[in-house]
């Protein structure tokens, strides 16, 4: 129930609010679209 994102060699263009998301598996889709997710975190500023 946990997911991590290790971010190395960070660049200024990586500056953003980062959101965690979770959703049911949808066949062959890889989860690259926001509408594939049912649940979202509150966001964390980087």
ModelCIF file with pLDDT and N, C-alpha, C, O atoms, coordinates in Angstrom:
data_MODEL
#
_entry.id   MODEL 
#
_entity.id                         1 
_entity.type                       polymer 
_entity.pdbx_number_of_molecules   1 
#
_entity_poly.entity_id                      1 
_entity_poly.type                           'polypeptide(L)' 
_entity_poly.nstd_linkage                   no 
_entity_poly.nstd_monomer                   no 
_entity_poly.pdbx_seq_one_letter_code       
;(UNK)(UNK)(UNK)(UNK)(UNK)(UNK)(UNK)(UNK)(UNK)(UNK)(UNK)(UNK)(UNK)(UNK)(UNK)(UNK)
(UNK)(UNK)(UNK)(UNK)(UNK)(UNK)(UNK)(UNK)(UNK)(UNK)(UNK)(UNK)(UNK)(UNK)(UNK)(UNK)
(UNK)(UNK)(UNK)(UNK)(UNK)(UNK)(UNK)(UNK)(UNK)(UNK)(UNK)(UNK)(UNK)(UNK)
;
_entity_poly.pdbx_seq_one_letter_code_can   XXXXXXXXXXXXXXXXXXXXXXXXXXXXXXXXXXXXXXXXXXXXXX 
_entity_poly.pdbx_strand_id                 A 
#
loop_
_entity_poly_seq.entity_id 
_entity_poly_seq.num 
_entity_poly_seq.mon_id 
_entity_poly_seq.hetero 
1 1  UNK n 
1 2  UNK n 
1 3  UNK n 
1 4  UNK n 
1 5  UNK n 
1 6  UNK n 
1 7  UNK n 
1 8  UNK n 
1 9  UNK n 
1 10 UNK n 
1 11 UNK n 
1 12 UNK n 
1 13 UNK n 
1 14 UNK n 
1 15 UNK n 
1 16 UNK n 
1 17 UNK n 
1 18 UNK n 
1 19 UNK n 
1 20 UNK n 
1 21 UNK n 
1 22 UNK n 
1 23 UNK n 
1 24 UNK n 
1 25 UNK n 
1 26 UNK n 
1 27 UNK n 
1 28 UNK n 
1 29 UNK n 
1 30 UNK n 
1 31 UNK n 
1 32 UNK n 
1 33 UNK n 
1 34 UNK n 
1 35 UNK n 
1 36 UNK n 
1 37 UNK n 
1 38 UNK n 
1 39 UNK n 
1 40 UNK n 
1 41 UNK n 
1 42 UNK n 
1 43 UNK n 
1 44 UNK n 
1 45 UNK n 
1 46 UNK n 
#
_struct_asym.id          A 
_struct_asym.entity_id   1 
#
loop_
_ma_qa_metric.id 
_ma_qa_metric.mode 
_ma_qa_metric.name 
_ma_qa_metric.software_group_id 
_ma_qa_metric.type 
1 global pLDDT . pLDDT 
2 local  pLDDT . pLDDT 
#
_ma_qa_metric_global.metric_id      1 
_ma_qa_metric_global.metric_value   94.30 
_ma_qa_metric_global.model_id       1 
_ma_qa_metric_global.ordinal_id     1 
#
loop_
_ma_qa_metric_local.label_asym_id 
_ma_qa_metric_local.label_comp_id 
_ma_qa_metric_local.label_seq_id 
_ma_qa_metric_local.metric_id 
_ma_qa_metric_local.metric_value 
_ma_qa_metric_local.model_id 
_ma_qa_metric_local.ordinal_id 
A UNK 1  2 89.00 1 1  
A UNK 2  2 93.00 1 2  
A UNK 3  2 96.00 1 3  
A UNK 4  2 97.00 1 4  
A UNK 5  2 98.00 1 5  
A UNK 6  2 98.00 1 6  
A UNK 7  2 98.00 1 7  
A UNK 8  2 98.00 1 8  
A UNK 9  2 98.00 1 9  
A UNK 10 2 98.00 1 10 
A UNK 11 2 98.00 1 11 
A UNK 12 2 97.00 1 12 
A UNK 13 2 97.00 1 13 
A UNK 14 2 98.00 1 14 
A UNK 15 2 98.00 1 15 
A UNK 16 2 98.00 1 16 
A UNK 17 2 98.00 1 17 
A UNK 18 2 98.00 1 18 
A UNK 19 2 98.00 1 19 
A UNK 20 2 98.00 1 20 
A UNK 21 2 97.00 1 21 
A UNK 22 2 96.00 1 22 
A UNK 23 2 94.00 1 23 
A UNK 24 2 92.00 1 24 
A UNK 25 2 86.00 1 25 
A UNK 26 2 81.00 1 26 
A UNK 27 2 79.00 1 27 
A UNK 28 2 79.00 1 28 
A UNK 29 2 82.00 1 29 
A UNK 30 2 85.00 1 30 
A UNK 31 2 90.00 1 31 
A UNK 32 2 93.00 1 32 
A UNK 33 2 93.00 1 33 
A UNK 34 2 94.00 1 34 
A UNK 35 2 93.00 1 35 
A UNK 36 2 94.00 1 36 
A UNK 37 2 96.00 1 37 
A UNK 38 2 95.00 1 38 
A UNK 39 2 97.00 1 39 
A UNK 40 2 98.00 1 40 
A UNK 41 2 97.00 1 41 
A UNK 42 2 96.00 1 42 
A UNK 43 2 97.00 1 43 
A UNK 44 2 97.00 1 44 
A UNK 45 2 98.00 1 45 
A UNK 46 2 98.00 1 46 
#
loop_
_atom_site.group_PDB 
_atom_site.id 
_atom_site.type_symbol 
_atom_site.label_atom_id 
_atom_site.label_alt_id 
_atom_site.label_comp_id 
_atom_site.label_asym_id 
_atom_site.label_entity_id 
_atom_site.label_seq_id 
_atom_site.pdbx_PDB_ins_code 
_atom_site.Cartn_x 
_atom_site.Cartn_y 
_atom_site.Cartn_z 
_atom_site.occupancy 
_atom_site.B_iso_or_equiv 
_atom_site.pdbx_formal_charge 
_atom_site.auth_seq_id 
_atom_site.auth_comp_id 
_atom_site.auth_asym_id 
_atom_site.auth_atom_id 
_atom_site.pdbx_PDB_model_num 
ATOM 1   N N  . UNK A 1 1  ? 0.819   -1.201 0.000   1.00 89.00 ? 1  UNK A N  1 
ATOM 2   C CA . UNK A 1 1  ? 0.000   0.000  0.000   1.00 89.00 ? 1  UNK A CA 1 
ATOM 3   C C  . UNK A 1 1  ? 0.851   1.248  0.000   1.00 89.00 ? 1  UNK A C  1 
ATOM 4   O O  . UNK A 1 1  ? 0.341   2.347  0.216   1.00 89.00 ? 1  UNK A O  1 
ATOM 5   N N  . UNK A 1 2  ? 2.151   1.095  -0.240  1.00 93.00 ? 2  UNK A N  1 
ATOM 6   C CA . UNK A 1 2  ? 3.031   2.244  -0.302  1.00 93.00 ? 2  UNK A CA 1 
ATOM 7   C C  . UNK A 1 2  ? 3.729   2.279  -1.651  1.00 93.00 ? 2  UNK A C  1 
ATOM 8   O O  . UNK A 1 2  ? 4.002   1.248  -2.265  1.00 93.00 ? 2  UNK A O  1 
ATOM 9   N N  . UNK A 1 3  ? 4.009   3.508  -2.095  1.00 96.00 ? 3  UNK A N  1 
ATOM 10  C CA . UNK A 1 3  ? 4.744   3.685  -3.336  1.00 96.00 ? 3  UNK A CA 1 
ATOM 11  C C  . UNK A 1 3  ? 5.739   4.817  -3.129  1.00 96.00 ? 3  UNK A C  1 
ATOM 12  O O  . UNK A 1 3  ? 5.444   5.805  -2.456  1.00 96.00 ? 3  UNK A O  1 
ATOM 13  N N  . UNK A 1 4  ? 6.913   4.662  -3.712  1.00 97.00 ? 4  UNK A N  1 
ATOM 14  C CA . UNK A 1 4  ? 7.981   5.632  -3.551  1.00 97.00 ? 4  UNK A CA 1 
ATOM 15  C C  . UNK A 1 4  ? 8.396   6.171  -4.917  1.00 97.00 ? 4  UNK A C  1 
ATOM 16  O O  . UNK A 1 4  ? 8.204   5.527  -5.949  1.00 97.00 ? 4  UNK A O  1 
ATOM 17  N N  . UNK A 1 5  ? 8.966   7.360  -4.891  1.00 98.00 ? 5  UNK A N  1 
ATOM 18  C CA . UNK A 1 5  ? 9.556   7.935  -6.091  1.00 98.00 ? 5  UNK A CA 1 
ATOM 19  C C  . UNK A 1 5  ? 10.911  8.501  -5.701  1.00 98.00 ? 5  UNK A C  1 
ATOM 20  O O  . UNK A 1 5  ? 10.996  9.541  -5.048  1.00 98.00 ? 5  UNK A O  1 
ATOM 21  N N  . UNK A 1 6  ? 11.966  7.811  -6.105  1.00 98.00 ? 6  UNK A N  1 
ATOM 22  C CA . UNK A 1 6  ? 13.327  8.291  -5.887  1.00 98.00 ? 6  UNK A CA 1 
ATOM 23  C C  . UNK A 1 6  ? 13.702  9.185  -7.064  1.00 98.00 ? 6  UNK A C  1 
ATOM 24  O O  . UNK A 1 6  ? 13.689  8.748  -8.215  1.00 98.00 ? 6  UNK A O  1 
ATOM 25  N N  . UNK A 1 7  ? 14.031  10.419 -6.770  1.00 98.00 ? 7  UNK A N  1 
ATOM 26  C CA . UNK A 1 7  ? 14.327  11.397 -7.811  1.00 98.00 ? 7  UNK A CA 1 
ATOM 27  C C  . UNK A 1 7  ? 15.773  11.830 -7.699  1.00 98.00 ? 7  UNK A C  1 
ATOM 28  O O  . UNK A 1 7  ? 16.161  12.457 -6.713  1.00 98.00 ? 7  UNK A O  1 
ATOM 29  N N  . UNK A 1 8  ? 16.574  11.503 -8.698  1.00 98.00 ? 8  UNK A N  1 
ATOM 30  C CA . UNK A 1 8  ? 17.988  11.871 -8.734  1.00 98.00 ? 8  UNK A CA 1 
ATOM 31  C C  . UNK A 1 8  ? 18.252  12.839 -9.881  1.00 98.00 ? 8  UNK A C  1 
ATOM 32  O O  . UNK A 1 8  ? 17.431  12.993 -10.784 1.00 98.00 ? 8  UNK A O  1 
ATOM 33  N N  . UNK A 1 9  ? 19.394  13.477 -9.829  1.00 98.00 ? 9  UNK A N  1 
ATOM 34  C CA . UNK A 1 9  ? 19.797  14.421 -10.883 1.00 98.00 ? 9  UNK A CA 1 
ATOM 35  C C  . UNK A 1 9  ? 18.668  15.401 -11.192 1.00 98.00 ? 9  UNK A C  1 
ATOM 36  O O  . UNK A 1 9  ? 18.320  15.618 -12.353 1.00 98.00 ? 9  UNK A O  1 
ATOM 37  N N  . UNK A 1 10 ? 18.114  15.977 -10.162 1.00 98.00 ? 10 UNK A N  1 
ATOM 38  C CA . UNK A 1 10 ? 16.963  16.860 -10.330 1.00 98.00 ? 10 UNK A CA 1 
ATOM 39  C C  . UNK A 1 10 ? 17.329  18.111 -11.106 1.00 98.00 ? 10 UNK A C  1 
ATOM 40  O O  . UNK A 1 10 ? 18.443  18.622 -10.998 1.00 98.00 ? 10 UNK A O  1 
ATOM 41  N N  . UNK A 1 11 ? 16.382  18.596 -11.887 1.00 98.00 ? 11 UNK A N  1 
ATOM 42  C CA . UNK A 1 11 ? 16.554  19.781 -12.718 1.00 98.00 ? 11 UNK A CA 1 
ATOM 43  C C  . UNK A 1 11 ? 15.520  20.827 -12.317 1.00 98.00 ? 11 UNK A C  1 
ATOM 44  O O  . UNK A 1 11 ? 14.479  20.473 -11.763 1.00 98.00 ? 11 UNK A O  1 
ATOM 45  N N  . UNK A 1 12 ? 15.778  22.093 -12.579 1.00 97.00 ? 12 UNK A N  1 
ATOM 46  C CA . UNK A 1 12 ? 14.779  23.122 -12.261 1.00 97.00 ? 12 UNK A CA 1 
ATOM 47  C C  . UNK A 1 12 ? 13.420  22.843 -12.901 1.00 97.00 ? 12 UNK A C  1 
ATOM 48  O O  . UNK A 1 12 ? 12.387  23.183 -12.323 1.00 97.00 ? 12 UNK A O  1 
ATOM 49  N N  . UNK A 1 13 ? 13.406  22.234 -14.077 1.00 97.00 ? 13 UNK A N  1 
ATOM 50  C CA . UNK A 1 13 ? 12.135  21.941 -14.743 1.00 97.00 ? 13 UNK A CA 1 
ATOM 51  C C  . UNK A 1 13 ? 11.356  20.812 -14.065 1.00 97.00 ? 13 UNK A C  1 
ATOM 52  O O  . UNK A 1 13 ? 10.220  20.532 -14.449 1.00 97.00 ? 13 UNK A O  1 
ATOM 53  N N  . UNK A 1 14 ? 11.950  20.161 -13.064 1.00 98.00 ? 14 UNK A N  1 
ATOM 54  C CA . UNK A 1 14 ? 11.222  19.175 -12.271 1.00 98.00 ? 14 UNK A CA 1 
ATOM 55  C C  . UNK A 1 14 ? 10.388  19.829 -11.171 1.00 98.00 ? 14 UNK A C  1 
ATOM 56  O O  . UNK A 1 14 ? 9.610   19.153 -10.498 1.00 98.00 ? 14 UNK A O  1 
ATOM 57  N N  . UNK A 1 15 ? 10.543  21.120 -10.990 1.00 98.00 ? 15 UNK A N  1 
ATOM 58  C CA . UNK A 1 15 ? 9.780   21.834 -9.970  1.00 98.00 ? 15 UNK A CA 1 
ATOM 59  C C  . UNK A 1 15 ? 8.289   21.739 -10.243 1.00 98.00 ? 15 UNK A C  1 
ATOM 60  O O  . UNK A 1 15 ? 7.821   22.104 -11.321 1.00 98.00 ? 15 UNK A O  1 
ATOM 61  N N  . UNK A 1 16 ? 7.544   21.243 -9.257  1.00 98.00 ? 16 UNK A N  1 
ATOM 62  C CA . UNK A 1 16 ? 6.103   21.041 -9.417  1.00 98.00 ? 16 UNK A CA 1 
ATOM 63  C C  . UNK A 1 16 ? 5.539   20.518 -8.103  1.00 98.00 ? 16 UNK A C  1 
ATOM 64  O O  . UNK A 1 16 ? 6.278   20.177 -7.180  1.00 98.00 ? 16 UNK A O  1 
ATOM 65  N N  . UNK A 1 17 ? 4.217   20.464 -8.043  1.00 98.00 ? 17 UNK A N  1 
ATOM 66  C CA . UNK A 1 17 ? 3.548   19.710 -6.984  1.00 98.00 ? 17 UNK A CA 1 
ATOM 67  C C  . UNK A 1 17 ? 3.401   18.272 -7.488  1.00 98.00 ? 17 UNK A C  1 
ATOM 68  O O  . UNK A 1 17 ? 2.874   18.039 -8.575  1.00 98.00 ? 17 UNK A O  1 
ATOM 69  N N  . UNK A 1 18 ? 3.862   17.333 -6.705  1.00 98.00 ? 18 UNK A N  1 
ATOM 70  C CA . UNK A 1 18 ? 3.821   15.915 -7.083  1.00 98.00 ? 18 UNK A CA 1 
ATOM 71  C C  . UNK A 1 18 ? 2.662   15.235 -6.368  1.00 98.00 ? 18 UNK A C  1 
ATOM 72  O O  . UNK A 1 18 ? 2.482   15.384 -5.160  1.00 98.00 ? 18 UNK A O  1 
ATOM 73  N N  . UNK A 1 19 ? 1.878   14.484 -7.141  1.00 98.00 ? 19 UNK A N  1 
ATOM 74  C CA . UNK A 1 19 ? 0.694   13.803 -6.616  1.00 98.00 ? 19 UNK A CA 1 
ATOM 75  C C  . UNK A 1 19 ? 0.839   12.295 -6.765  1.00 98.00 ? 19 UNK A C  1 
ATOM 76  O O  . UNK A 1 19 ? 1.252   11.787 -7.808  1.00 98.00 ? 19 UNK A O  1 
ATOM 77  N N  . UNK A 1 20 ? 0.490   11.602 -5.699  1.00 98.00 ? 20 UNK A N  1 
ATOM 78  C CA . UNK A 1 20 ? 0.382   10.152 -5.728  1.00 98.00 ? 20 UNK A CA 1 
ATOM 79  C C  . UNK A 1 20 ? -1.044  9.793  -6.140  1.00 98.00 ? 20 UNK A C  1 
ATOM 80  O O  . UNK A 1 20 ? -1.989  10.497 -5.783  1.00 98.00 ? 20 UNK A O  1 
ATOM 81  N N  . UNK A 1 21 ? -1.204  8.706  -6.887  1.00 97.00 ? 21 UNK A N  1 
ATOM 82  C CA . UNK A 1 21 ? -2.525  8.292  -7.328  1.00 97.00 ? 21 UNK A CA 1 
ATOM 83  C C  . UNK A 1 21 ? -2.629  6.770  -7.335  1.00 97.00 ? 21 UNK A C  1 
ATOM 84  O O  . UNK A 1 21 ? -1.630  6.068  -7.489  1.00 97.00 ? 21 UNK A O  1 
ATOM 85  N N  . UNK A 1 22 ? -3.854  6.273  -7.164  1.00 96.00 ? 22 UNK A N  1 
ATOM 86  C CA . UNK A 1 22 ? -4.102  4.828  -7.179  1.00 96.00 ? 22 UNK A CA 1 
ATOM 87  C C  . UNK A 1 22 ? -5.403  4.544  -7.911  1.00 96.00 ? 22 UNK A C  1 
ATOM 88  O O  . UNK A 1 22 ? -6.379  5.282  -7.774  1.00 96.00 ? 22 UNK A O  1 
ATOM 89  N N  . UNK A 1 23 ? -5.408  3.466  -8.691  1.00 94.00 ? 23 UNK A N  1 
ATOM 90  C CA . UNK A 1 23 ? -6.601  3.092  -9.419  1.00 94.00 ? 23 UNK A CA 1 
ATOM 91  C C  . UNK A 1 23 ? -6.561  1.622  -9.796  1.00 94.00 ? 23 UNK A C  1 
ATOM 92  O O  . UNK A 1 23 ? -5.486  1.023  -9.827  1.00 94.00 ? 23 UNK A O  1 
ATOM 93  N N  . UNK A 1 24 ? -7.715  1.029  -10.084 1.00 92.00 ? 24 UNK A N  1 
ATOM 94  C CA . UNK A 1 24 ? -7.750  -0.386 -10.453 1.00 92.00 ? 24 UNK A CA 1 
ATOM 95  C C  . UNK A 1 24 ? -7.036  -0.618 -11.781 1.00 92.00 ? 24 UNK A C  1 
ATOM 96  O O  . UNK A 1 24 ? -7.023  0.244  -12.660 1.00 92.00 ? 24 UNK A O  1 
ATOM 97  N N  . UNK A 1 25 ? -6.444  -1.797 -11.903 1.00 86.00 ? 25 UNK A N  1 
ATOM 98  C CA . UNK A 1 25 ? -5.799  -2.152 -13.170 1.00 86.00 ? 25 UNK A CA 1 
ATOM 99  C C  . UNK A 1 25 ? -6.836  -2.121 -14.286 1.00 86.00 ? 25 UNK A C  1 
ATOM 100 O O  . UNK A 1 25 ? -7.970  -2.562 -14.101 1.00 86.00 ? 25 UNK A O  1 
ATOM 101 N N  . UNK A 1 26 ? -6.440  -1.596 -15.450 1.00 81.00 ? 26 UNK A N  1 
ATOM 102 C CA . UNK A 1 26 ? -7.363  -1.429 -16.567 1.00 81.00 ? 26 UNK A CA 1 
ATOM 103 C C  . UNK A 1 26 ? -6.799  -2.086 -17.811 1.00 81.00 ? 26 UNK A C  1 
ATOM 104 O O  . UNK A 1 26 ? -6.471  -1.414 -18.789 1.00 81.00 ? 26 UNK A O  1 
ATOM 105 N N  . UNK A 1 27 ? -6.689  -3.404 -17.765 1.00 79.00 ? 27 UNK A N  1 
ATOM 106 C CA . UNK A 1 27 ? -6.261  -4.156 -18.935 1.00 79.00 ? 27 UNK A CA 1 
ATOM 107 C C  . UNK A 1 27 ? -4.860  -3.774 -19.357 1.00 79.00 ? 27 UNK A C  1 
ATOM 108 O O  . UNK A 1 27 ? -3.924  -3.832 -18.560 1.00 79.00 ? 27 UNK A O  1 
ATOM 109 N N  . UNK A 1 28 ? -4.715  -3.382 -20.617 1.00 79.00 ? 28 UNK A N  1 
ATOM 110 C CA . UNK A 1 28 ? -3.407  -3.087 -21.186 1.00 79.00 ? 28 UNK A CA 1 
ATOM 111 C C  . UNK A 1 28 ? -2.938  -1.657 -20.908 1.00 79.00 ? 28 UNK A C  1 
ATOM 112 O O  . UNK A 1 28 ? -1.815  -1.300 -21.264 1.00 79.00 ? 28 UNK A O  1 
ATOM 113 N N  . UNK A 1 29 ? -3.767  -0.850 -20.288 1.00 82.00 ? 29 UNK A N  1 
ATOM 114 C CA . UNK A 1 29 ? -3.386  0.545  -20.056 1.00 82.00 ? 29 UNK A CA 1 
ATOM 115 C C  . UNK A 1 29 ? -2.325  0.602  -18.960 1.00 82.00 ? 29 UNK A C  1 
ATOM 116 O O  . UNK A 1 29 ? -2.351  -0.182 -18.012 1.00 82.00 ? 29 UNK A O  1 
ATOM 117 N N  . UNK A 1 30 ? -1.386  1.549  -19.106 1.00 85.00 ? 30 UNK A N  1 
ATOM 118 C CA . UNK A 1 30 ? -0.241  1.601  -18.194 1.00 85.00 ? 30 UNK A CA 1 
ATOM 119 C C  . UNK A 1 30 ? -0.391  2.649  -17.110 1.00 85.00 ? 30 UNK A C  1 
ATOM 120 O O  . UNK A 1 30 ? 0.521   2.832  -16.304 1.00 85.00 ? 30 UNK A O  1 
ATOM 121 N N  . UNK A 1 31 ? -1.522  3.343  -17.069 1.00 90.00 ? 31 UNK A N  1 
ATOM 122 C CA . UNK A 1 31 ? -1.727  4.332  -16.021 1.00 90.00 ? 31 UNK A CA 1 
ATOM 123 C C  . UNK A 1 31 ? -1.070  5.660  -16.298 1.00 90.00 ? 31 UNK A C  1 
ATOM 124 O O  . UNK A 1 31 ? -0.637  6.332  -15.362 1.00 90.00 ? 31 UNK A O  1 
ATOM 125 N N  . UNK A 1 32 ? -0.982  6.059  -17.541 1.00 93.00 ? 32 UNK A N  1 
ATOM 126 C CA . UNK A 1 32 ? -0.347  7.324  -17.894 1.00 93.00 ? 32 UNK A CA 1 
ATOM 127 C C  . UNK A 1 32 ? -1.318  8.494  -17.962 1.00 93.00 ? 32 UNK A C  1 
ATOM 128 O O  . UNK A 1 32 ? -0.903  9.635  -18.162 1.00 93.00 ? 32 UNK A O  1 
ATOM 129 N N  . UNK A 1 33 ? -2.599  8.221  -17.797 1.00 93.00 ? 33 UNK A N  1 
ATOM 130 C CA . UNK A 1 33 ? -3.606  9.274  -17.864 1.00 93.00 ? 33 UNK A CA 1 
ATOM 131 C C  . UNK A 1 33 ? -4.281  9.463  -16.511 1.00 93.00 ? 33 UNK A C  1 
ATOM 132 O O  . UNK A 1 33 ? -4.593  8.480  -15.838 1.00 93.00 ? 33 UNK A O  1 
ATOM 133 N N  . UNK A 1 34 ? -4.509  10.700 -16.104 1.00 94.00 ? 34 UNK A N  1 
ATOM 134 C CA . UNK A 1 34 ? -5.146  10.948 -14.803 1.00 94.00 ? 34 UNK A CA 1 
ATOM 135 C C  . UNK A 1 34 ? -6.504  10.262 -14.638 1.00 94.00 ? 34 UNK A C  1 
ATOM 136 O O  . UNK A 1 34 ? -6.867  9.868  -13.530 1.00 94.00 ? 34 UNK A O  1 
ATOM 137 N N  . UNK A 1 35 ? -7.252  10.117 -15.730 1.00 93.00 ? 35 UNK A N  1 
ATOM 138 C CA . UNK A 1 35 ? -8.592  9.540  -15.595 1.00 93.00 ? 35 UNK A CA 1 
ATOM 139 C C  . UNK A 1 35 ? -8.578  8.032  -15.353 1.00 93.00 ? 35 UNK A C  1 
ATOM 140 O O  . UNK A 1 35 ? -9.639  7.420  -15.230 1.00 93.00 ? 35 UNK A O  1 
ATOM 141 N N  . UNK A 1 36 ? -7.404  7.431  -15.284 1.00 94.00 ? 36 UNK A N  1 
ATOM 142 C CA . UNK A 1 36 ? -7.300  6.010  -14.956 1.00 94.00 ? 36 UNK A CA 1 
ATOM 143 C C  . UNK A 1 36 ? -7.245  5.779  -13.444 1.00 94.00 ? 36 UNK A C  1 
ATOM 144 O O  . UNK A 1 36 ? -7.209  4.637  -12.987 1.00 94.00 ? 36 UNK A O  1 
ATOM 145 N N  . UNK A 1 37 ? -7.238  6.861  -12.679 1.00 96.00 ? 37 UNK A N  1 
ATOM 146 C CA . UNK A 1 37 ? -7.065  6.767  -11.234 1.00 96.00 ? 37 UNK A CA 1 
ATOM 147 C C  . UNK A 1 37 ? -8.308  7.236  -10.493 1.00 96.00 ? 37 UNK A C  1 
ATOM 148 O O  . UNK A 1 37 ? -8.966  8.204  -10.873 1.00 96.00 ? 37 UNK A O  1 
ATOM 149 N N  . UNK A 1 38 ? -8.604  6.507  -9.413  1.00 95.00 ? 38 UNK A N  1 
ATOM 150 C CA . UNK A 1 38 ? -9.769  6.846  -8.593  1.00 95.00 ? 38 UNK A CA 1 
ATOM 151 C C  . UNK A 1 38 ? -9.405  7.646  -7.353  1.00 95.00 ? 38 UNK A C  1 
ATOM 152 O O  . UNK A 1 38 ? -10.240 8.370  -6.813  1.00 95.00 ? 38 UNK A O  1 
ATOM 153 N N  . UNK A 1 39 ? -8.175  7.520  -6.904  1.00 97.00 ? 39 UNK A N  1 
ATOM 154 C CA . UNK A 1 39 ? -7.783  8.126  -5.636  1.00 97.00 ? 39 UNK A CA 1 
ATOM 155 C C  . UNK A 1 39 ? -6.515  8.962  -5.824  1.00 97.00 ? 39 UNK A C  1 
ATOM 156 O O  . UNK A 1 39 ? -5.604  8.593  -6.564  1.00 97.00 ? 39 UNK A O  1 
ATOM 157 N N  . UNK A 1 40 ? -6.491  10.101 -5.127  1.00 98.00 ? 40 UNK A N  1 
ATOM 158 C CA . UNK A 1 40 ? -5.367  11.026 -5.248  1.00 98.00 ? 40 UNK A CA 1 
ATOM 159 C C  . UNK A 1 40 ? -4.934  11.518 -3.874  1.00 98.00 ? 40 UNK A C  1 
ATOM 160 O O  . UNK A 1 40 ? -5.748  11.673 -2.963  1.00 98.00 ? 40 UNK A O  1 
ATOM 161 N N  . UNK A 1 41 ? -3.620  11.761 -3.747  1.00 97.00 ? 41 UNK A N  1 
ATOM 162 C CA . UNK A 1 41 ? -3.104  12.396 -2.551  1.00 97.00 ? 41 UNK A CA 1 
ATOM 163 C C  . UNK A 1 41 ? -3.258  13.903 -2.626  1.00 97.00 ? 41 UNK A C  1 
ATOM 164 O O  . UNK A 1 41 ? -3.764  14.443 -3.610  1.00 97.00 ? 41 UNK A O  1 
ATOM 165 N N  . UNK A 1 42 ? -2.819  14.569 -1.579  1.00 96.00 ? 42 UNK A N  1 
ATOM 166 C CA . UNK A 1 42 ? -3.009  16.020 -1.478  1.00 96.00 ? 42 UNK A CA 1 
ATOM 167 C C  . UNK A 1 42 ? -1.922  16.797 -2.209  1.00 96.00 ? 42 UNK A C  1 
ATOM 168 O O  . UNK A 1 42 ? -2.071  17.995 -2.451  1.00 96.00 ? 42 UNK A O  1 
ATOM 169 N N  . UNK A 1 43 ? -0.846  16.132 -2.556  1.00 97.00 ? 43 UNK A N  1 
ATOM 170 C CA . UNK A 1 43 ? 0.236   16.794 -3.268  1.00 97.00 ? 43 UNK A CA 1 
ATOM 171 C C  . UNK A 1 43 ? 1.389   17.163 -2.353  1.00 97.00 ? 43 UNK A C  1 
ATOM 172 O O  . UNK A 1 43 ? 1.202   17.465 -1.175  1.00 97.00 ? 43 UNK A O  1 
ATOM 173 N N  . UNK A 1 44 ? 2.585   17.133 -2.924  1.00 97.00 ? 44 UNK A N  1 
ATOM 174 C CA . UNK A 1 44 ? 3.798   17.473 -2.180  1.00 97.00 ? 44 UNK A CA 1 
ATOM 175 C C  . UNK A 1 44 ? 4.676   18.342 -3.077  1.00 97.00 ? 44 UNK A C  1 
ATOM 176 O O  . UNK A 1 44 ? 4.995   17.960 -4.203  1.00 97.00 ? 44 UNK A O  1 
ATOM 177 N N  . UNK A 1 45 ? 5.067   19.518 -2.569  1.00 98.00 ? 45 UNK A N  1 
ATOM 178 C CA . UNK A 1 45 ? 5.842   20.470 -3.373  1.00 98.00 ? 45 UNK A CA 1 
ATOM 179 C C  . UNK A 1 45 ? 7.301   20.033 -3.482  1.00 98.00 ? 45 UNK A C  1 
ATOM 180 O O  . UNK A 1 45 ? 7.946   19.703 -2.486  1.00 98.00 ? 45 UNK A O  1 
ATOM 181 N N  . UNK A 1 46 ? 7.797   20.040 -4.699  1.00 98.00 ? 46 UNK A N  1 
ATOM 182 C CA . UNK A 1 46 ? 9.223   19.810 -4.972  1.00 98.00 ? 46 UNK A CA 1 
ATOM 183 C C  . UNK A 1 46 ? 9.738   21.036 -5.707  1.00 98.00 ? 46 UNK A C  1 
ATOM 184 O O  . UNK A 1 46 ? 10.917  21.096 -6.055  1.00 98.00 ? 46 UNK A O  1 
#
